[in-house]
Amino acid sequence: MSKRWTYQVVEIKPSFSGRVNAEAIQAELTRQGASGWELVQVLHSGHSLQPAKLIFKKEL
């Protein structure tokens, strides 16, 4: 039987300066990891006003 996964996308919004805060990303990674989620991908368009999207997976 193959593994089955559930996925979650978390957006990290930029600060007022337009930058995505590294501390906010670290805190979210720690929070999700403690809940059993594994980071799969980070998406960011490169535009300063767009949020970074962290994509996680967890085995069902």
PDB file of N, CA and C in Angstrom:
ATOM      1  N   MET A   1       0.836  -1.180   0.000  1.00  0.00           N
ATOM      2  CA  MET A   1       0.000   0.000   0.000  1.00  0.00           C
ATOM      3  C   MET A   1       0.883   1.246   0.000  1.00  0.00           C
ATOM      4  N   SER A   2       0.564   2.184  -0.866  1.00  0.00           N
ATOM      5  CA  SER A   2       1.378   3.396  -0.961  1.00  0.00           C
ATOM      6  C   SER A   2       1.016   4.378   0.156  1.00  0.00           C
ATOM      7  N   LYS A   3       1.938   5.268   0.429  1.00  0.00           N
ATOM      8  CA  LYS A   3       1.702   6.274   1.459  1.00  0.00           C
ATOM      9  C   LYS A   3       0.670   7.286   0.977  1.00  0.00           C
ATOM     10  N   ARG A   4      -0.076   7.827   1.912  1.00  0.00           N
ATOM     11  CA  ARG A   4      -1.055   8.873   1.607  1.00  0.00           C
ATOM     12  C   ARG A   4      -0.656  10.116   2.399  1.00  0.00           C
ATOM     13  N   TRP A   5      -0.810  11.256   1.770  1.00  0.00           N
ATOM     14  CA  TRP A   5      -0.354  12.511   2.347  1.00  0.00           C
ATOM     15  C   TRP A   5      -1.497  13.521   2.422  1.00  0.00           C
ATOM     16  N   THR A   6      -1.375  14.410   3.367  1.00  0.00           N
ATOM     17  CA  THR A   6      -2.223  15.591   3.425  1.00  0.00           C
ATOM     18  C   THR A   6      -1.276  16.785   3.304  1.00  0.00           C
ATOM     19  N   TYR A   7      -1.748  17.865   2.736  1.00  0.00           N
ATOM     20  CA  TYR A   7      -0.897  19.026   2.479  1.00  0.00           C
ATOM     21  C   TYR A   7      -1.475  20.273   3.124  1.00  0.00           C
ATOM     22  N   GLN A   8      -0.604  21.204   3.401  1.00  0.00           N
ATOM     23  CA  GLN A   8      -1.008  22.466   4.009  1.00  0.00           C
ATOM     24  C   GLN A   8      -0.156  23.594   3.413  1.00  0.00           C
ATOM     25  N   VAL A   9      -0.784  24.711   3.111  1.00  0.00           N
ATOM     26  CA  VAL A   9      -0.080  25.886   2.611  1.00  0.00           C
ATOM     27  C   VAL A   9      -0.229  27.007   3.637  1.00  0.00           C
ATOM     28  N   VAL A  10       0.895  27.580   4.035  1.00  0.00           N
ATOM     29  CA  VAL A  10       0.904  28.677   4.999  1.00  0.00           C
ATOM     30  C   VAL A  10       1.528  29.887   4.322  1.00  0.00           C
ATOM     31  N   GLU A  11       0.847  31.022   4.370  1.00  0.00           N
ATOM     32  CA  GLU A  11       1.387  32.262   3.804  1.00  0.00           C
ATOM     33  C   GLU A  11       2.056  33.087   4.897  1.00  0.00           C
ATOM     34  N   ILE A  12       3.247  33.566   4.581  1.00  0.00           N
ATOM     35  CA  ILE A  12       3.970  34.480   5.470  1.00  0.00           C
ATOM     36  C   ILE A  12       3.935  35.838   4.788  1.00  0.00           C
ATOM     37  N   LYS A  13       3.200  36.742   5.361  1.00  0.00           N
ATOM     38  CA  LYS A  13       3.026  38.060   4.754  1.00  0.00           C
ATOM     39  C   LYS A  13       4.254  38.934   5.024  1.00  0.00           C
ATOM     40  N   PRO A  14       4.598  39.808   4.085  1.00  0.00           N
ATOM     41  CA  PRO A  14       5.746  40.700   4.284  1.00  0.00           C
ATOM     42  C   PRO A  14       5.432  41.760   5.337  1.00  0.00           C
ATOM     43  N   SER A  15       6.483  42.307   5.912  1.00  0.00           N
ATOM     44  CA  SER A  15       6.333  43.387   6.883  1.00  0.00           C
ATOM     45  C   SER A  15       6.015  44.689   6.145  1.00  0.00           C
ATOM     46  N   PHE A  16       5.876  45.762   6.890  1.00  0.00           N
ATOM     47  CA  PHE A  16       5.589  47.060   6.282  1.00  0.00           C
ATOM     48  C   PHE A  16       6.714  47.525   5.358  1.00  0.00           C
ATOM     49  N   SER A  17       7.922  47.021   5.584  1.00  0.00           N
ATOM     50  CA  SER A  17       9.051  47.384   4.723  1.00  0.00           C
ATOM     51  C   SER A  17       9.010  46.648   3.389  1.00  0.00           C
ATOM     52  N   GLY A  18       8.088  45.655   3.271  1.00  0.00           N
ATOM     53  CA  GLY A  18       7.976  44.897   2.039  1.00  0.00           C
ATOM     54  C   GLY A  18       8.824  43.649   2.009  1.00  0.00           C
ATOM     55  N   ARG A  19       9.508  43.343   3.095  1.00  0.00           N
ATOM     56  CA  ARG A  19      10.371  42.160   3.158  1.00  0.00           C
ATOM     57  C   ARG A  19       9.700  41.072   3.978  1.00  0.00           C
ATOM     58  N   VAL A  20       9.920  39.839   3.586  1.00  0.00           N
ATOM     59  CA  VAL A  20       9.445  38.713   4.381  1.00  0.00           C
ATOM     60  C   VAL A  20      10.459  38.502   5.498  1.00  0.00           C
ATOM     61  N   ASN A  21       9.978  38.516   6.719  1.00  0.00           N
ATOM     62  CA  ASN A  21      10.825  38.440   7.905  1.00  0.00           C
ATOM     63  C   ASN A  21      11.324  37.009   8.124  1.00  0.00           C
ATOM     64  N   ALA A  22      12.644  36.833   8.184  1.00  0.00           N
ATOM     65  CA  ALA A  22      13.239  35.511   8.377  1.00  0.00           C
ATOM     66  C   ALA A  22      12.821  34.907   9.716  1.00  0.00           C
ATOM     67  N   GLU A  23      12.656  35.735  10.736  1.00  0.00           N
ATOM     68  CA  GLU A  23      12.247  35.243  12.054  1.00  0.00           C
ATOM     69  C   GLU A  23      10.818  34.690  12.002  1.00  0.00           C
ATOM     70  N   ALA A  24       9.951  35.316  11.215  1.00  0.00           N
ATOM     71  CA  ALA A  24       8.576  34.832  11.064  1.00  0.00           C
ATOM     72  C   ALA A  24       8.569  33.475  10.361  1.00  0.00           C
ATOM     73  N   ILE A  25       9.415  33.328   9.366  1.00  0.00           N
ATOM     74  CA  ILE A  25       9.514  32.043   8.667  1.00  0.00           C
ATOM     75  C   ILE A  25      10.040  30.975   9.614  1.00  0.00           C
ATOM     76  N   GLN A  26      11.080  31.295  10.370  1.00  0.00           N
ATOM     77  CA  GLN A  26      11.654  30.332  11.315  1.00  0.00           C
ATOM     78  C   GLN A  26      10.624  29.898  12.352  1.00  0.00           C
ATOM     79  N   ALA A  27       9.871  30.848  12.869  1.00  0.00           N
ATOM     80  CA  ALA A  27       8.849  30.525  13.870  1.00  0.00           C
ATOM     81  C   ALA A  27       7.782  29.602  13.283  1.00  0.00           C
ATOM     82  N   GLU A  28       7.369  29.858  12.059  1.00  0.00           N
ATOM     83  CA  GLU A  28       6.351  29.017  11.415  1.00  0.00           C
ATOM     84  C   GLU A  28       6.892  27.626  11.124  1.00  0.00           C
ATOM     85  N   LEU A  29       8.140  27.526  10.673  1.00  0.00           N
ATOM     86  CA  LEU A  29       8.756  26.221  10.432  1.00  0.00           C
ATOM     87  C   LEU A  29       8.826  25.400  11.718  1.00  0.00           C
ATOM     88  N   THR A  30       9.203  26.040  12.807  1.00  0.00           N
ATOM     89  CA  THR A  30       9.287  25.370  14.103  1.00  0.00           C
ATOM     90  C   THR A  30       7.904  24.918  14.565  1.00  0.00           C
ATOM     91  N   ARG A  31       6.913  25.781  14.427  1.00  0.00           N
ATOM     92  CA  ARG A  31       5.540  25.463  14.845  1.00  0.00           C
ATOM     93  C   ARG A  31       4.991  24.277  14.051  1.00  0.00           C
ATOM     94  N   GLN A  32       5.154  24.314  12.731  1.00  0.00           N
ATOM     95  CA  GLN A  32       4.626  23.236  11.901  1.00  0.00           C
ATOM     96  C   GLN A  32       5.393  21.932  12.111  1.00  0.00           C
ATOM     97  N   GLY A  33       6.701  22.027  12.271  1.00  0.00           N
ATOM     98  CA  GLY A  33       7.512  20.837  12.519  1.00  0.00           C
ATOM     99  C   GLY A  33       7.133  20.152  13.820  1.00  0.00           C
ATOM    100  N   ALA A  34       6.828  20.930  14.847  1.00  0.00           N
ATOM    101  CA  ALA A  34       6.408  20.370  16.129  1.00  0.00           C
ATOM    102  C   ALA A  34       5.069  19.645  16.012  1.00  0.00           C
ATOM    103  N   SER A  35       4.282  20.001  15.002  1.00  0.00           N
ATOM    104  CA  SER A  35       2.986  19.348  14.767  1.00  0.00           C
ATOM    105  C   SER A  35       3.090  18.191  13.777  1.00  0.00           C
ATOM    106  N   GLY A  36       4.309  17.873  13.353  1.00  0.00           N
ATOM    107  CA  GLY A  36       4.509  16.733  12.470  1.00  0.00           C
ATOM    108  C   GLY A  36       4.514  17.041  10.990  1.00  0.00           C
ATOM    109  N   TRP A  37       4.452  18.322  10.626  1.00  0.00           N
ATOM    110  CA  TRP A  37       4.460  18.708   9.212  1.00  0.00           C
ATOM    111  C   TRP A  37       5.890  18.802   8.707  1.00  0.00           C
ATOM    112  N   GLU A  38       6.110  18.390   7.464  1.00  0.00           N
ATOM    113  CA  GLU A  38       7.422  18.456   6.813  1.00  0.00           C
ATOM    114  C   GLU A  38       7.354  19.478   5.679  1.00  0.00           C
ATOM    115  N   LEU A  39       8.313  20.400   5.647  1.00  0.00           N
ATOM    116  CA  LEU A  39       8.369  21.397   4.589  1.00  0.00           C
ATOM    117  C   LEU A  39       8.730  20.725   3.267  1.00  0.00           C
ATOM    118  N   VAL A  40       7.949  21.030   2.218  1.00  0.00           N
ATOM    119  CA  VAL A  40       8.173  20.445   0.903  1.00  0.00           C
ATOM    120  C   VAL A  40       8.685  21.494  -0.081  1.00  0.00           C
ATOM    121  N   GLN A  41       8.133  22.706  -0.005  1.00  0.00           N
ATOM    122  CA  GLN A  41       8.453  23.733  -0.997  1.00  0.00           C
ATOM    123  C   GLN A  41       8.209  25.117  -0.408  1.00  0.00           C
ATOM    124  N   VAL A  42       8.995  26.070  -0.876  1.00  0.00           N
ATOM    125  CA  VAL A  42       8.764  27.486  -0.570  1.00  0.00           C
ATOM    126  C   VAL A  42       8.549  28.198  -1.896  1.00  0.00           C
ATOM    127  N   LEU A  43       7.454  28.931  -1.993  1.00  0.00           N
ATOM    128  CA  LEU A  43       7.161  29.696  -3.199  1.00  0.00           C
ATOM    129  C   LEU A  43       7.161  31.175  -2.870  1.00  0.00           C
ATOM    130  N   HIS A  44       7.868  31.937  -3.678  1.00  0.00           N
ATOM    131  CA  HIS A  44       7.864  33.391  -3.525  1.00  0.00           C
ATOM    132  C   HIS A  44       8.102  33.986  -4.901  1.00  0.00           C
ATOM    133  N   SER A  45       7.269  34.925  -5.271  1.00  0.00           N
ATOM    134  CA  SER A  45       7.341  35.496  -6.617  1.00  0.00           C
ATOM    135  C   SER A  45       8.536  36.422  -6.811  1.00  0.00           C
ATOM    136  N   GLY A  46       9.106  36.893  -5.719  1.00  0.00           N
ATOM    137  CA  GLY A  46      10.197  37.853  -5.819  1.00  0.00           C
ATOM    138  C   GLY A  46       9.714  39.286  -5.708  1.00  0.00           C
ATOM    139  N   HIS A  47       8.395  39.474  -5.819  1.00  0.00           N
ATOM    140  CA  HIS A  47       7.831  40.811  -5.628  1.00  0.00           C
ATOM    141  C   HIS A  47       7.736  41.080  -4.132  1.00  0.00           C
ATOM    142  N   SER A  48       8.173  42.239  -3.719  1.00  0.00           N
ATOM    143  CA  SER A  48       8.288  42.528  -2.297  1.00  0.00           C
ATOM    144  C   SER A  48       6.964  42.547  -1.553  1.00  0.00           C
ATOM    145  N   LEU A  49       5.853  42.809  -2.221  1.00  0.00           N
ATOM    146  CA  LEU A  49       4.576  42.890  -1.519  1.00  0.00           C
ATOM    147  C   LEU A  49       3.814  41.563  -1.494  1.00  0.00           C
ATOM    148  N   GLN A  50       4.352  40.538  -2.121  1.00  0.00           N
ATOM    149  CA  GLN A  50       3.697  39.236  -2.159  1.00  0.00           C
ATOM    150  C   GLN A  50       4.158  38.377  -0.985  1.00  0.00           C
ATOM    151  N   PRO A  51       3.240  37.590  -0.417  1.00  0.00           N
ATOM    152  CA  PRO A  51       3.641  36.709   0.685  1.00  0.00           C
ATOM    153  C   PRO A  51       4.467  35.529   0.185  1.00  0.00           C
ATOM    154  N   ALA A  52       5.256  34.962   1.068  1.00  0.00           N
ATOM    155  CA  ALA A  52       5.933  33.698   0.794  1.00  0.00           C
ATOM    156  C   ALA A  52       4.959  32.590   1.165  1.00  0.00           C
ATOM    157  N   LYS A  53       4.923  31.524   0.379  1.00  0.00           N
ATOM    158  CA  LYS A  53       4.041  30.398   0.666  1.00  0.00           C
ATOM    159  C   LYS A  53       4.900  29.193   1.029  1.00  0.00           C
ATOM    160  N   LEU A  54       4.652  28.661   2.208  1.00  0.00           N
ATOM    161  CA  LEU A  54       5.349  27.476   2.683  1.00  0.00           C
ATOM    162  C   LEU A  54       4.408  26.293   2.495  1.00  0.00           C
ATOM    163  N   ILE A  55       4.845  25.264   1.801  1.00  0.00           N
ATOM    164  CA  ILE A  55       4.016  24.101   1.534  1.00  0.00           C
ATOM    165  C   ILE A  55       4.560  22.925   2.362  1.00  0.00           C
ATOM    166  N   PHE A  56       3.664  22.354   3.157  1.00  0.00           N
ATOM    167  CA  PHE A  56       4.026  21.263   4.059  1.00  0.00           C
ATOM    168  C   PHE A  56       3.235  20.011   3.687  1.00  0.00           C
ATOM    169  N   LYS A  57       3.775  18.853   4.089  1.00  0.00           N
ATOM    170  CA  LYS A  57       3.040  17.605   3.939  1.00  0.00           C
ATOM    171  C   LYS A  57       3.168  16.799   5.237  1.00  0.00           C
ATOM    172  N   LYS A  58       2.153  15.947   5.440  1.00  0.00           N
ATOM    173  CA  LYS A  58       2.149  15.066   6.597  1.00  0.00           C
ATOM    174  C   LYS A  58       1.485  13.761   6.158  1.00  0.00           C
ATOM    175  N   GLU A  59       2.064  12.649   6.569  1.00  0.00           N
ATOM    176  CA  GLU A  59       1.487  11.364   6.220  1.00  0.00           C
ATOM    177  C   GLU A  59       0.185  11.154   6.986  1.00  0.00           C
ATOM    178  N   LEU A  60      -0.808  10.615   6.265  1.00  0.00           N
ATOM    179  CA  LEU A  60      -2.108  10.321   6.920  1.00  0.00           C
ATOM    180  C   LEU A  60      -2.012   9.093   7.795  1.00  0.00           C
TER     181      LEU A  60
END
